[in-house]
Amino acid sequence: MSDLNLLSVLVPEDWVTLPGAGTSLSRWSRATAEELAERGRAAGHPMDTKPLRADLTAWAKDSRSRAPLSASLYYPDGFEEALALVEVQVFVPDETLPVITLDWLAKTFSASDFGPPEVTRVEVPTGPAVRIRQNLAMESAGRRTPGVLRETLTYGMLPHGSTSAVMLMASWSVPGVGEELEAVVDEIARRLEASV
């Protein structure tokens, strides 16, 4: 069990927070698709709620399979598919890993699919952290289609006064949005609050 009492994740307005396990996905996706379509139409983009609902439902089901504490999707105005996902998880020390360190987080959450990851140590208001920027090779949906490049930015944070680690993991596969999303994820990491 984690020693963290409060975990607050603040995302920008054009992000949608996924519902918890007790929420009906059908009702949630219907209401959220209507809100996104209304926002898109107000910005001058014709929107159809059917693909929005399907996308929201698929992302929510996928995220629930990992049971994060928090998960959010990036839907810019006019888009019927999410461009990025941010999930937050807490890792608790146990008998196999009595102490969680920044070195362990960097090693465990790094891969070299497309060259070495960019790993830097940073300080965020929550505490010391490791920032990992990398590209991963993801399997394609079918045998005849190529794999997908997934860009990721992960923060492994050691909250002040806690023995647990907070992981903020962001991913996207749309080319050309990396710098913009990195800046947003950096800000989400700075605004994340965790206390004992």
Foldseek 3Di string as FASTA:
>chain_A
DWPWDDKDFDADPQKAKADAPVDDLQVVLQVVLVVLQVQLVVVPAHDDSVLLSVQNSVVNVVVVVVPFPIKMFGDDRRDSHTFKMKGKHKAAADPVGNADDQVNVCVVPWDQQPHGWDWDWDAAPQGIKIKTWDWDWAQDPDPPDGTFIKTKIKIWGDGPPTRMIMIMIMIGGDPPCVVVVVVSVVVSRNPIDIDD
